Amino acid sequence: MTKKDIVRTIAEEIDLPQFRTRVLVQRTFEALIEALVRDGRVELRNFGVFQIKQREARLARNPRTGEPVPVQAKNVVTFKPGKEMEERVRDYKAPVAGSEPAEPQADDEAGDTPSEPTEA
C-alpha cells in the first residue's frame, strides 16, 4: 500500500476530496516526524510506538570482498506494534500465490475500545 492508496481509501470512507485528504495525511506524517525528532518517542494507542535509538559504531564486512568496513554510530527509528496490531497481524492469513488477497475481517468500531498503555 502506498500513501496514494491511503489517501484514496480515507477520502472514500469520509467523503472528502482526495486533494484535501492528501494534505491531511501528509500533515499527519509531518507531525509524527516532528514529534519524534523533538521528543524521541511517539506513542499511538492501538497502533504502536515509534522511538529513536542510537546504533553503536561497529565493524561490518563488505559482502563482495570480505574486507572489514567501519560503520559509524547512527540514530535509527524503531517501531514496536501495539497490542491490537499484534493481534490482527498474528491472525493474518497470507494469500496463496495467484489468488486474490484475503478480505480484511470486519471488527468492532475502530478506536471505540479503551486500551492499556503500550510499553517500549
PDB file of N, CA and C in Angstrom:
ATOM      1  N   MET A   1       0.850  -1.179   0.000  1.00  0.00           N
ATOM      2  CA  MET A   1       0.000   0.000   0.000  1.00  0.00           C
ATOM      3  C   MET A   1       0.890   1.235   0.000  1.00  0.00           C
ATOM      4  N   THR A   2       0.496   2.207  -0.775  1.00  0.00           N
ATOM      5  CA  THR A   2       1.250   3.457  -0.865  1.00  0.00           C
ATOM      6  C   THR A   2       0.458   4.585  -0.192  1.00  0.00           C
ATOM      7  N   LYS A   3       1.121   5.736  -0.064  1.00  0.00           N
ATOM      8  CA  LYS A   3       0.433   6.897   0.508  1.00  0.00           C
ATOM      9  C   LYS A   3      -0.776   7.263  -0.351  1.00  0.00           C
ATOM     10  N   LYS A   4      -0.639   7.115  -1.654  1.00  0.00           N
ATOM     11  CA  LYS A   4      -1.750   7.413  -2.566  1.00  0.00           C
ATOM     12  C   LYS A   4      -2.944   6.502  -2.272  1.00  0.00           C
ATOM     13  N   ASP A   5      -2.672   5.220  -2.009  1.00  0.00           N
ATOM     14  CA  ASP A   5      -3.742   4.276  -1.665  1.00  0.00           C
ATOM     15  C   ASP A   5      -4.404   4.659  -0.348  1.00  0.00           C
ATOM     16  N   ILE A   6      -3.602   5.086   0.617  1.00  0.00           N
ATOM     17  CA  ILE A   6      -4.147   5.506   1.914  1.00  0.00           C
ATOM     18  C   ILE A   6      -5.070   6.706   1.718  1.00  0.00           C
ATOM     19  N   VAL A   7      -4.607   7.680   0.937  1.00  0.00           N
ATOM     20  CA  VAL A   7      -5.411   8.883   0.669  1.00  0.00           C
ATOM     21  C   VAL A   7      -6.721   8.500  -0.006  1.00  0.00           C
ATOM     22  N   ARG A   8      -6.655   7.641  -1.017  1.00  0.00           N
ATOM     23  CA  ARG A   8      -7.855   7.235  -1.744  1.00  0.00           C
ATOM     24  C   ARG A   8      -8.848   6.539  -0.807  1.00  0.00           C
ATOM     25  N   THR A   9      -8.351   5.631   0.021  1.00  0.00           N
ATOM     26  CA  THR A   9      -9.216   4.884   0.937  1.00  0.00           C
ATOM     27  C   THR A   9      -9.898   5.815   1.935  1.00  0.00           C
ATOM     28  N   ILE A  10      -9.119   6.703   2.549  1.00  0.00           N
ATOM     29  CA  ILE A  10      -9.685   7.628   3.538  1.00  0.00           C
ATOM     30  C   ILE A  10     -10.675   8.577   2.880  1.00  0.00           C
ATOM     31  N   ALA A  11     -10.324   9.109   1.713  1.00  0.00           N
ATOM     32  CA  ALA A  11     -11.206  10.044   1.008  1.00  0.00           C
ATOM     33  C   ALA A  11     -12.560   9.400   0.717  1.00  0.00           C
ATOM     34  N   GLU A  12     -12.545   8.134   0.302  1.00  0.00           N
ATOM     35  CA  GLU A  12     -13.801   7.430   0.012  1.00  0.00           C
ATOM     36  C   GLU A  12     -14.598   7.184   1.291  1.00  0.00           C
ATOM     37  N   GLU A  13     -13.903   6.816   2.373  1.00  0.00           N
ATOM     38  CA  GLU A  13     -14.595   6.491   3.622  1.00  0.00           C
ATOM     39  C   GLU A  13     -15.253   7.706   4.268  1.00  0.00           C
ATOM     40  N   ILE A  14     -14.609   8.871   4.179  1.00  0.00           N
ATOM     41  CA  ILE A  14     -15.176  10.048   4.861  1.00  0.00           C
ATOM     42  C   ILE A  14     -15.748  11.058   3.881  1.00  0.00           C
ATOM     43  N   ASP A  15     -15.827  10.677   2.603  1.00  0.00           N
ATOM     44  CA  ASP A  15     -16.425  11.524   1.576  1.00  0.00           C
ATOM     45  C   ASP A  15     -15.791  12.915   1.564  1.00  0.00           C
ATOM     46  N   LEU A  16     -14.472  12.928   1.385  1.00  0.00           N
ATOM     47  CA  LEU A  16     -13.701  14.166   1.327  1.00  0.00           C
ATOM     48  C   LEU A  16     -12.904  14.130   0.027  1.00  0.00           C
ATOM     49  N   PRO A  17     -12.695  15.272  -0.616  1.00  0.00           N
ATOM     50  CA  PRO A  17     -11.900  15.260  -1.849  1.00  0.00           C
ATOM     51  C   PRO A  17     -10.490  14.714  -1.589  1.00  0.00           C
ATOM     52  N   GLN A  18      -9.948  14.011  -2.575  1.00  0.00           N
ATOM     53  CA  GLN A  18      -8.619  13.425  -2.401  1.00  0.00           C
ATOM     54  C   GLN A  18      -7.551  14.478  -2.148  1.00  0.00           C
ATOM     55  N   PHE A  19      -7.682  15.662  -2.758  1.00  0.00           N
ATOM     56  CA  PHE A  19      -6.684  16.708  -2.542  1.00  0.00           C
ATOM     57  C   PHE A  19      -6.622  17.094  -1.066  1.00  0.00           C
ATOM     58  N   ARG A  20      -7.787  17.349  -0.460  1.00  0.00           N
ATOM     59  CA  ARG A  20      -7.816  17.731   0.970  1.00  0.00           C
ATOM     60  C   ARG A  20      -7.344  16.584   1.847  1.00  0.00           C
ATOM     61  N   THR A  21      -7.721  15.373   1.482  1.00  0.00           N
ATOM     62  CA  THR A  21      -7.305  14.202   2.246  1.00  0.00           C
ATOM     63  C   THR A  21      -5.793  14.039   2.170  1.00  0.00           C
ATOM     64  N   ARG A  22      -5.216  14.248   0.986  1.00  0.00           N
ATOM     65  CA  ARG A  22      -3.763  14.131   0.827  1.00  0.00           C
ATOM     66  C   ARG A  22      -3.038  15.140   1.712  1.00  0.00           C
ATOM     67  N   VAL A  23      -3.565  16.360   1.796  1.00  0.00           N
ATOM     68  CA  VAL A  23      -2.962  17.382   2.652  1.00  0.00           C
ATOM     69  C   VAL A  23      -3.013  16.932   4.114  1.00  0.00           C
ATOM     70  N   LEU A  24      -4.146  16.390   4.545  1.00  0.00           N
ATOM     71  CA  LEU A  24      -4.284  15.922   5.931  1.00  0.00           C
ATOM     72  C   LEU A  24      -3.340  14.748   6.238  1.00  0.00           C
ATOM     73  N   VAL A  25      -3.256  13.804   5.319  1.00  0.00           N
ATOM     74  CA  VAL A  25      -2.377  12.648   5.527  1.00  0.00           C
ATOM     75  C   VAL A  25      -0.923  13.111   5.589  1.00  0.00           C
ATOM     76  N   GLN A  26      -0.527  13.971   4.656  1.00  0.00           N
ATOM     77  CA  GLN A  26       0.852  14.456   4.649  1.00  0.00           C
ATOM     78  C   GLN A  26       1.163  15.229   5.924  1.00  0.00           C
ATOM     79  N   ARG A  27       0.246  16.074   6.361  1.00  0.00           N
ATOM     80  CA  ARG A  27       0.462  16.859   7.590  1.00  0.00           C
ATOM     81  C   ARG A  27       0.559  15.937   8.804  1.00  0.00           C
ATOM     82  N   THR A  28      -0.224  14.863   8.813  1.00  0.00           N
ATOM     83  CA  THR A  28      -0.149  13.882   9.899  1.00  0.00           C
ATOM     84  C   THR A  28       1.237  13.255   9.944  1.00  0.00           C
ATOM     85  N   PHE A  29       1.754  12.839   8.783  1.00  0.00           N
ATOM     86  CA  PHE A  29       3.089  12.245   8.731  1.00  0.00           C
ATOM     87  C   PHE A  29       4.145  13.246   9.192  1.00  0.00           C
ATOM     88  N   GLU A  30       4.019  14.493   8.753  1.00  0.00           N
ATOM     89  CA  GLU A  30       4.984  15.524   9.155  1.00  0.00           C
ATOM     90  C   GLU A  30       4.936  15.768  10.662  1.00  0.00           C
ATOM     91  N   ALA A  31       3.735  15.789  11.235  1.00  0.00           N
ATOM     92  CA  ALA A  31       3.597  15.987  12.680  1.00  0.00           C
ATOM     93  C   ALA A  31       4.235  14.824  13.450  1.00  0.00           C
ATOM     94  N   LEU A  32       4.068  13.609  12.956  1.00  0.00           N
ATOM     95  CA  LEU A  32       4.691  12.447  13.595  1.00  0.00           C
ATOM     96  C   LEU A  32       6.209  12.567  13.575  1.00  0.00           C
ATOM     97  N   ILE A  33       6.749  12.953  12.432  1.00  0.00           N
ATOM     98  CA  ILE A  33       8.203  13.093  12.308  1.00  0.00           C
ATOM     99  C   ILE A  33       8.704  14.202  13.233  1.00  0.00           C
ATOM    100  N   GLU A  34       8.008  15.341  13.245  1.00  0.00           N
ATOM    101  CA  GLU A  34       8.415  16.456  14.112  1.00  0.00           C
ATOM    102  C   GLU A  34       8.397  16.048  15.580  1.00  0.00           C
ATOM    103  N   ALA A  35       7.356  15.357  15.995  1.00  0.00           N
ATOM    104  CA  ALA A  35       7.253  14.918  17.390  1.00  0.00           C
ATOM    105  C   ALA A  35       8.341  13.898  17.718  1.00  0.00           C
ATOM    106  N   LEU A  36       8.642  13.029  16.799  1.00  0.00           N
ATOM    107  CA  LEU A  36       9.678  12.023  17.022  1.00  0.00           C
ATOM    108  C   LEU A  36      11.047  12.682  17.177  1.00  0.00           C
ATOM    109  N   VAL A  37      11.343  13.649  16.320  1.00  0.00           N
ATOM    110  CA  VAL A  37      12.625  14.355  16.397  1.00  0.00           C
ATOM    111  C   VAL A  37      12.702  15.189  17.685  1.00  0.00           C
ATOM    112  N   ARG A  38      11.597  15.785  18.070  1.00  0.00           N
ATOM    113  CA  ARG A  38      11.573  16.636  19.271  1.00  0.00           C
ATOM    114  C   ARG A  38      11.626  15.815  20.548  1.00  0.00           C
ATOM    115  N   ASP A  39      10.829  14.742  20.631  1.00  0.00           N
ATOM    116  CA  ASP A  39      10.669  14.007  21.883  1.00  0.00           C
ATOM    117  C   ASP A  39      11.380  12.654  21.904  1.00  0.00           C
ATOM    118  N   GLY A  40      11.774  12.140  20.747  1.00  0.00           N
ATOM    119  CA  GLY A  40      12.449  10.857  20.685  1.00  0.00           C
ATOM    120  C   GLY A  40      11.513   9.660  20.769  1.00  0.00           C
ATOM    121  N   ARG A  41      10.212   9.911  20.948  1.00  0.00           N
ATOM    122  CA  ARG A  41       9.243   8.816  21.099  1.00  0.00           C
ATOM    123  C   ARG A  41       7.845   9.313  20.737  1.00  0.00           C
ATOM    124  N   VAL A  42       7.108   8.507  19.978  1.00  0.00           N
ATOM    125  CA  VAL A  42       5.719   8.806  19.651  1.00  0.00           C
ATOM    126  C   VAL A  42       4.920   7.544  19.917  1.00  0.00           C
ATOM    127  N   GLU A  43       3.928   7.652  20.807  1.00  0.00           N
ATOM    128  CA  GLU A  43       3.082   6.507  21.137  1.00  0.00           C
ATOM    129  C   GLU A  43       1.683   6.756  20.611  1.00  0.00           C
ATOM    130  N   LEU A  44       1.219   5.836  19.775  1.00  0.00           N
ATOM    131  CA  LEU A  44      -0.128   5.911  19.217  1.00  0.00           C
ATOM    132  C   LEU A  44      -0.910   4.711  19.729  1.00  0.00           C
ATOM    133  N   ARG A  45      -1.840   4.954  20.627  1.00  0.00           N
ATOM    134  CA  ARG A  45      -2.625   3.861  21.229  1.00  0.00           C
ATOM    135  C   ARG A  45      -3.275   3.009  20.149  1.00  0.00           C
ATOM    136  N   ASN A  46      -3.327   1.716  20.369  1.00  0.00           N
ATOM    137  CA  ASN A  46      -3.888   0.734  19.439  1.00  0.00           C
ATOM    138  C   ASN A  46      -3.110   0.630  18.133  1.00  0.00           C
ATOM    139  N   PHE A  47      -1.984   1.319  18.028  1.00  0.00           N
ATOM    140  CA  PHE A  47      -1.171   1.222  16.815  1.00  0.00           C
ATOM    141  C   PHE A  47       0.235   0.773  17.160  1.00  0.00           C
ATOM    142  N   GLY A  48       0.971   1.619  17.903  1.00  0.00           N
ATOM    143  CA  GLY A  48       2.324   1.234  18.280  1.00  0.00           C
ATOM    144  C   GLY A  48       3.150   2.417  18.732  1.00  0.00           C
ATOM    145  N   VAL A  49       4.444   2.148  18.946  1.00  0.00           N
ATOM    146  CA  VAL A  49       5.369   3.158  19.444  1.00  0.00           C
ATOM    147  C   VAL A  49       6.548   3.288  18.483  1.00  0.00           C
ATOM    148  N   PHE A  50       6.789   4.521  18.023  1.00  0.00           N
ATOM    149  CA  PHE A  50       7.982   4.843  17.248  1.00  0.00           C
ATOM    150  C   PHE A  50       8.979   5.438  18.233  1.00  0.00           C
ATOM    151  N   GLN A  51      10.240   5.040  18.122  1.00  0.00           N
ATOM    152  CA  GLN A  51      11.233   5.537  19.059  1.00  0.00           C
ATOM    153  C   GLN A  51      12.568   5.679  18.336  1.00  0.00           C
ATOM    154  N   ILE A  52      13.325   6.717  18.715  1.00  0.00           N
ATOM    155  CA  ILE A  52      14.662   6.899  18.166  1.00  0.00           C
ATOM    156  C   ILE A  52      15.637   6.191  19.094  1.00  0.00           C
ATOM    157  N   LYS A  53      16.462   5.335  18.507  1.00  0.00           N
ATOM    158  CA  LYS A  53      17.511   4.651  19.269  1.00  0.00           C
ATOM    159  C   LYS A  53      18.831   4.863  18.548  1.00  0.00           C
ATOM    160  N   GLN A  54      19.911   4.840  19.317  1.00  0.00           N
ATOM    161  CA  GLN A  54      21.216   5.004  18.696  1.00  0.00           C
ATOM    162  C   GLN A  54      21.874   3.645  18.498  1.00  0.00           C
ATOM    163  N   ARG A  55      22.331   3.415  17.285  1.00  0.00           N
ATOM    164  CA  ARG A  55      23.108   2.213  16.984  1.00  0.00           C
ATOM    165  C   ARG A  55      24.565   2.560  17.207  1.00  0.00           C
ATOM    166  N   GLU A  56      25.256   1.694  17.894  1.00  0.00           N
ATOM    167  CA  GLU A  56      26.672   1.900  18.166  1.00  0.00           C
ATOM    168  C   GLU A  56      27.497   1.722  16.891  1.00  0.00           C
ATOM    169  N   ALA A  57      28.688   2.334  16.884  1.00  0.00           N
ATOM    170  CA  ALA A  57      29.617   2.122  15.782  1.00  0.00           C
ATOM    171  C   ALA A  57      30.025   0.650  15.800  1.00  0.00           C
ATOM    172  N   ARG A  58      30.284   0.103  14.628  1.00  0.00           N
ATOM    173  CA  ARG A  58      30.643  -1.312  14.561  1.00  0.00           C
ATOM    174  C   ARG A  58      31.520  -1.563  13.349  1.00  0.00           C
ATOM    175  N   LEU A  59      32.069  -2.735  13.308  1.00  0.00           N
ATOM    176  CA  LEU A  59      32.872  -3.157  12.176  1.00  0.00           C
ATOM    177  C   LEU A  59      32.047  -4.162  11.376  1.00  0.00           C
ATOM    178  N   ALA A  60      31.668  -3.761  10.160  1.00  0.00           N
ATOM    179  CA  ALA A  60      30.889  -4.638   9.288  1.00  0.00           C
ATOM    180  C   ALA A  60      31.841  -5.285   8.283  1.00  0.00           C
ATOM    181  N   ARG A  61      31.285  -6.037   7.357  1.00  0.00           N
ATOM    182  CA  ARG A  61      32.108  -6.718   6.361  1.00  0.00           C
ATOM    183  C   ARG A  61      31.514  -6.490   4.976  1.00  0.00           C
ATOM    184  N   ASN A  62      32.366  -6.133   4.026  1.00  0.00           N
ATOM    185  CA  ASN A  62      31.947  -5.987   2.639  1.00  0.00           C
ATOM    186  C   ASN A  62      31.618  -7.382   2.112  1.00  0.00           C
ATOM    187  N   PRO A  63      30.377  -7.630   1.666  1.00  0.00           N
ATOM    188  CA  PRO A  63      30.000  -8.979   1.237  1.00  0.00           C
ATOM    189  C   PRO A  63      30.757  -9.468  -0.007  1.00  0.00           C
ATOM    190  N   ARG A  64      31.209  -8.558  -0.843  1.00  0.00           N
ATOM    191  CA  ARG A  64      31.938  -8.968  -2.050  1.00  0.00           C
ATOM    192  C   ARG A  64      33.362  -9.387  -1.749  1.00  0.00           C
ATOM    193  N   THR A  65      34.034  -8.562  -0.945  1.00  0.00           N
ATOM    194  CA  THR A  65      35.462  -8.807  -0.715  1.00  0.00           C
ATOM    195  C   THR A  65      35.744  -9.455   0.630  1.00  0.00           C
ATOM    196  N   GLY A  66      34.775  -9.381   1.549  1.00  0.00           N
ATOM    197  CA  GLY A  66      35.015  -9.900   2.890  1.00  0.00           C
ATOM    198  C   GLY A  66      35.841  -8.950   3.732  1.00  0.00           C
ATOM    199  N   GLU A  67      36.188  -7.808   3.174  1.00  0.00           N
ATOM    200  CA  GLU A  67      37.026  -6.823   3.859  1.00  0.00           C
ATOM    201  C   GLU A  67      36.234  -6.107   4.959  1.00  0.00           C
ATOM    202  N   PRO A  68      36.826  -5.903   6.135  1.00  0.00           N
ATOM    203  CA  PRO A  68      36.151  -5.175   7.216  1.00  0.00           C
ATOM    204  C   PRO A  68      35.897  -3.713   6.821  1.00  0.00           C
ATOM    205  N   VAL A  69      34.726  -3.203   7.174  1.00  0.00           N
ATOM    206  CA  VAL A  69      34.349  -1.821   6.863  1.00  0.00           C
ATOM    207  C   VAL A  69      33.799  -1.189   8.134  1.00  0.00           C
ATOM    208  N   PRO A  70      34.387  -0.054   8.566  1.00  0.00           N
ATOM    209  CA  PRO A  70      33.858   0.594   9.766  1.00  0.00           C
ATOM    210  C   PRO A  70      32.523   1.284   9.472  1.00  0.00           C
ATOM    211  N   VAL A  71      31.557   1.120  10.363  1.00  0.00           N
ATOM    212  CA  VAL A  71      30.249   1.763  10.241  1.00  0.00           C
ATOM    213  C   VAL A  71      30.094   2.685  11.443  1.00  0.00           C
ATOM    214  N   GLN A  72      29.824   3.954  11.177  1.00  0.00           N
ATOM    215  CA  GLN A  72      29.703   4.940  12.256  1.00  0.00           C
ATOM    216  C   GLN A  72      28.411   4.732  13.043  1.00  0.00           C
ATOM    217  N   ALA A  73      28.418   5.227  14.275  1.00  0.00           N
ATOM    218  CA  ALA A  73      27.201   5.222  15.094  1.00  0.00           C
ATOM    219  C   ALA A  73      26.154   6.084  14.391  1.00  0.00           C
ATOM    220  N   LYS A  74      24.879   5.702  14.552  1.00  0.00           N
ATOM    221  CA  LYS A  74      23.819   6.493  13.925  1.00  0.00           C
ATOM    222  C   LYS A  74      22.513   6.303  14.674  1.00  0.00           C
ATOM    223  N   ASN A  75      21.625   7.268  14.499  1.00  0.00           N
ATOM    224  CA  ASN A  75      20.288   7.176  15.067  1.00  0.00           C
ATOM    225  C   ASN A  75      19.386   6.449  14.082  1.00  0.00           C
ATOM    226  N   VAL A  76      18.525   5.571  14.612  1.00  0.00           N
ATOM    227  CA  VAL A  76      17.567   4.851  13.780  1.00  0.00           C
ATOM    228  C   VAL A  76      16.194   4.931  14.438  1.00  0.00           C
ATOM    229  N   VAL A  77      15.156   4.773  13.634  1.00  0.00           N
ATOM    230  CA  VAL A  77      13.794   4.744  14.152  1.00  0.00           C
ATOM    231  C   VAL A  77      13.397   3.284  14.330  1.00  0.00           C
ATOM    232  N   THR A  78      12.896   2.956  15.505  1.00  0.00           N
ATOM    233  CA  THR A  78      12.379   1.615  15.743  1.00  0.00           C
ATOM    234  C   THR A  78      10.867   1.712  15.923  1.00  0.00           C
ATOM    235  N   PHE A  79      10.192   0.608  15.678  1.00  0.00           N
ATOM    236  CA  PHE A  79       8.739   0.571  15.833  1.00  0.00           C
ATOM    237  C   PHE A  79       8.363  -0.692  16.585  1.00  0.00           C
ATOM    238  N   LYS A  80       7.561  -0.519  17.620  1.00  0.00           N
ATOM    239  CA  LYS A  80       7.021  -1.661  18.350  1.00  0.00           C
ATOM    240  C   LYS A  80       5.511  -1.601  18.195  1.00  0.00           C
ATOM    241  N   PRO A  81       4.919  -2.608  17.545  1.00  0.00           N
ATOM    242  CA  PRO A  81       3.475  -2.568  17.330  1.00  0.00           C
ATOM    243  C   PRO A  81       2.694  -2.650  18.627  1.00  0.00           C
ATOM    244  N   GLY A  82       1.529  -2.012  18.647  1.00  0.00           N
ATOM    245  CA  GLY A  82       0.634  -2.068  19.789  1.00  0.00           C
ATOM    246  C   GLY A  82      -0.094  -3.398  19.851  1.00  0.00           C
ATOM    247  N   LYS A  83      -0.794  -3.598  20.941  1.00  0.00           N
ATOM    248  CA  LYS A  83      -1.484  -4.868  21.195  1.00  0.00           C
ATOM    249  C   LYS A  83      -2.477  -5.209  20.083  1.00  0.00           C
ATOM    250  N   GLU A  84      -3.290  -4.241  19.677  1.00  0.00           N
ATOM    251  CA  GLU A  84      -4.295  -4.504  18.642  1.00  0.00           C
ATOM    252  C   GLU A  84      -3.633  -4.894  17.325  1.00  0.00           C
ATOM    253  N   MET A  85      -2.578  -4.179  16.928  1.00  0.00           N
ATOM    254  CA  MET A  85      -1.896  -4.512  15.683  1.00  0.00           C
ATOM    255  C   MET A  85      -1.261  -5.897  15.777  1.00  0.00           C
ATOM    256  N   GLU A  86      -0.637  -6.190  16.902  1.00  0.00           N
ATOM    257  CA  GLU A  86      -0.024  -7.517  17.099  1.00  0.00           C
ATOM    258  C   GLU A  86      -1.056  -8.618  16.880  1.00  0.00           C
ATOM    259  N   GLU A  87      -2.232  -8.460  17.498  1.00  0.00           N
ATOM    260  CA  GLU A  87      -3.277  -9.480  17.390  1.00  0.00           C
ATOM    261  C   GLU A  87      -3.785  -9.621  15.967  1.00  0.00           C
ATOM    262  N   ARG A  88      -4.018  -8.505  15.296  1.00  0.00           N
ATOM    263  CA  ARG A  88      -4.554  -8.564  13.936  1.00  0.00           C
ATOM    264  C   ARG A  88      -3.538  -9.133  12.955  1.00  0.00           C
ATOM    265  N   VAL A  89      -2.268  -8.795  13.132  1.00  0.00           N
ATOM    266  CA  VAL A  89      -1.228  -9.328  12.263  1.00  0.00           C
ATOM    267  C   VAL A  89      -1.036 -10.813  12.531  1.00  0.00           C
ATOM    268  N   ARG A  90      -1.110 -11.207  13.789  1.00  0.00           N
ATOM    269  CA  ARG A  90      -0.950 -12.615  14.147  1.00  0.00           C
ATOM    270  C   ARG A  90      -2.019 -13.464  13.457  1.00  0.00           C
ATOM    271  N   ASP A  91      -3.227 -12.928  13.309  1.00  0.00           N
ATOM    272  CA  ASP A  91      -4.336 -13.658  12.698  1.00  0.00           C
ATOM    273  C   ASP A  91      -4.360 -13.558  11.175  1.00  0.00           C
ATOM    274  N   TYR A  92      -3.425 -12.806  10.600  1.00  0.00           N
ATOM    275  CA  TYR A  92      -3.373 -12.600   9.150  1.00  0.00           C
ATOM    276  C   TYR A  92      -3.057 -13.904   8.423  1.00  0.00           C
ATOM    277  N   LYS A  93      -3.792 -14.155   7.377  1.00  0.00           N
ATOM    278  CA  LYS A  93      -3.557 -15.329   6.529  1.00  0.00           C
ATOM    279  C   LYS A  93      -3.033 -14.822   5.188  1.00  0.00           C
ATOM    280  N   ALA A  94      -1.801 -15.168   4.859  1.00  0.00           N
ATOM    281  CA  ALA A  94      -1.195 -14.729   3.603  1.00  0.00           C
ATOM    282  C   ALA A  94      -1.936 -15.351   2.432  1.00  0.00           C
ATOM    283  N   PRO A  95      -2.200 -14.564   1.382  1.00  0.00           N
ATOM    284  CA  PRO A  95      -2.888 -15.112   0.210  1.00  0.00           C
ATOM    285  C   PRO A  95      -1.991 -16.117  -0.519  1.00  0.00           C
ATOM    286  N   VAL A  96      -2.621 -17.113  -1.113  1.00  0.00           N
ATOM    287  CA  VAL A  96      -1.907 -18.109  -1.901  1.00  0.00           C
ATOM    288  C   VAL A  96      -1.498 -17.454  -3.211  1.00  0.00           C
ATOM    289  N   ALA A  97      -0.306 -17.748  -3.711  1.00  0.00           N
ATOM    290  CA  ALA A  97       0.193 -17.155  -4.958  1.00  0.00           C
ATOM    291  C   ALA A  97      -0.830 -17.335  -6.072  1.00  0.00           C
ATOM    292  N   GLY A  98      -1.115 -16.222  -6.785  1.00  0.00           N
ATOM    293  CA  GLY A  98      -2.044 -16.283  -7.903  1.00  0.00           C
ATOM    294  C   GLY A  98      -3.493 -16.078  -7.526  1.00  0.00           C
ATOM    295  N   SER A  99      -3.797 -15.949  -6.235  1.00  0.00           N
ATOM    296  CA  SER A  99      -5.185 -15.736  -5.828  1.00  0.00           C
ATOM    297  C   SER A  99      -5.375 -14.303  -5.369  1.00  0.00           C
ATOM    298  N   GLU A 100      -6.623 -13.926  -5.218  1.00  0.00           N
ATOM    299  CA  GLU A 100      -6.956 -12.592  -4.739  1.00  0.00           C
ATOM    300  C   GLU A 100      -6.554 -12.451  -3.275  1.00  0.00           C
ATOM    301  N   PRO A 101      -6.139 -11.243  -2.822  1.00  0.00           N
ATOM    302  CA  PRO A 101      -5.825 -11.056  -1.413  1.00  0.00           C
ATOM    303  C   PRO A 101      -7.066 -11.296  -0.555  1.00  0.00           C
ATOM    304  N   ALA A 102      -6.841 -11.799   0.642  1.00  0.00           N
ATOM    305  CA  ALA A 102      -7.950 -12.072   1.563  1.00  0.00           C
ATOM    306  C   ALA A 102      -8.599 -10.770   1.985  1.00  0.00           C
ATOM    307  N   GLU A 103      -9.917 -10.789   2.079  1.00  0.00           N
ATOM    308  CA  GLU A 103     -10.645  -9.615   2.548  1.00  0.00           C
ATOM    309  C   GLU A 103     -10.378  -9.430   4.031  1.00  0.00           C
ATOM    310  N   PRO A 104     -10.160  -8.182   4.486  1.00  0.00           N
ATOM    311  CA  PRO A 104      -9.953  -7.971   5.917  1.00  0.00           C
ATOM    312  C   PRO A 104     -11.217  -8.324   6.679  1.00  0.00           C
ATOM    313  N   GLN A 105     -11.034  -8.887   7.862  1.00  0.00           N
ATOM    314  CA  GLN A 105     -12.181  -9.249   8.682  1.00  0.00           C
ATOM    315  C   GLN A 105     -12.784  -8.000   9.299  1.00  0.00           C
ATOM    316  N   ALA A 106     -14.108  -7.965   9.334  1.00  0.00           N
ATOM    317  CA  ALA A 106     -14.793  -6.831   9.948  1.00  0.00           C
ATOM    318  C   ALA A 106     -14.597  -6.911  11.452  1.00  0.00           C
ATOM    319  N   ASP A 107     -14.355  -5.762  12.061  1.00  0.00           N
ATOM    320  CA  ASP A 107     -14.209  -5.732  13.512  1.00  0.00           C
ATOM    321  C   ASP A 107     -15.120  -4.653  14.073  1.00  0.00           C
ATOM    322  N   ASP A 108     -15.151  -4.555  15.369  1.00  0.00           N
ATOM    323  CA  ASP A 108     -15.964  -3.530  16.013  1.00  0.00           C
ATOM    324  C   ASP A 108     -15.462  -2.171  15.591  1.00  0.00           C
ATOM    325  N   GLU A 109     -16.218  -1.147  15.907  1.00  0.00           N
ATOM    326  CA  GLU A 109     -15.838   0.213  15.560  1.00  0.00           C
ATOM    327  C   GLU A 109     -14.423   0.478  16.047  1.00  0.00           C
ATOM    328  N   ALA A 110     -13.520   0.779  15.127  1.00  0.00           N
ATOM    329  CA  ALA A 110     -12.126   1.025  15.490  1.00  0.00           C
ATOM    330  C   ALA A 110     -12.025   2.260  16.371  1.00  0.00           C
ATOM    331  N   GLY A 111     -11.232   2.162  17.414  1.00  0.00           N
ATOM    332  CA  GLY A 111     -10.978   3.297  18.282  1.00  0.00           C
ATOM    333  C   GLY A 111     -11.983   3.463  19.391  1.00  0.00           C
ATOM    334  N   ASP A 112     -13.035   2.638  19.440  1.00  0.00           N
ATOM    335  CA  ASP A 112     -14.043   2.787  20.482  1.00  0.00           C
ATOM    336  C   ASP A 112     -13.705   2.025  21.754  1.00  0.00           C
ATOM    337  N   THR A 113     -12.737   1.132  21.678  1.00  0.00           N
ATOM    338  CA  THR A 113     -12.404   0.346  22.856  1.00  0.00           C
ATOM    339  C   THR A 113     -11.187   0.928  23.540  1.00  0.00           C
ATOM    340  N   PRO A 114     -11.234   1.086  24.864  1.00  0.00           N
ATOM    341  CA  PRO A 114     -10.067   1.627  25.568  1.00  0.00           C
ATOM    342  C   PRO A 114      -8.939   0.604  25.553  1.00  0.00           C
ATOM    343  N   SER A 115      -7.726   1.096  25.643  1.00  0.00           N
ATOM    344  CA  SER A 115      -6.590   0.183  25.654  1.00  0.00           C
ATOM    345  C   SER A 115      -5.673   0.522  26.812  1.00  0.00           C
ATOM    346  N   GLU A 116      -4.803  -0.407  27.099  1.00  0.00           N
ATOM    347  CA  GLU A 116      -3.807  -0.182  28.130  1.00  0.00           C
ATOM    348  C   GLU A 116      -2.592   0.453  27.492  1.00  0.00           C
ATOM    349  N   PRO A 117      -1.776   1.162  28.265  1.00  0.00           N
ATOM    350  CA  PRO A 117      -0.586   1.801  27.692  1.00  0.00           C
ATOM    351  C   PRO A 117       0.355   0.764  27.102  1.00  0.00           C
ATOM    352  N   THR A 118       1.006   1.154  26.018  1.00  0.00           N
ATOM    353  CA  THR A 118       1.989   0.310  25.367  1.00  0.00           C
ATOM    354  C   THR A 118       3.327   0.521  26.030  1.00  0.00           C
ATOM    355  N   GLU A 119       4.027  -0.559  26.316  1.00  0.00           N
ATOM    356  CA  GLU A 119       5.347  -0.446  26.914  1.00  0.00           C
ATOM    357  C   GLU A 119       6.382  -0.625  25.827  1.00  0.00           C
ATOM    358  N   ALA A 120       7.471   0.140  25.904  1.00  0.00           N
ATOM    359  CA  ALA A 120       8.540   0.042  24.904  1.00  0.00           C
ATOM    360  C   ALA A 120       9.643  -0.841  25.399  1.00  0.00           C
TER     361      ALA A 120
END
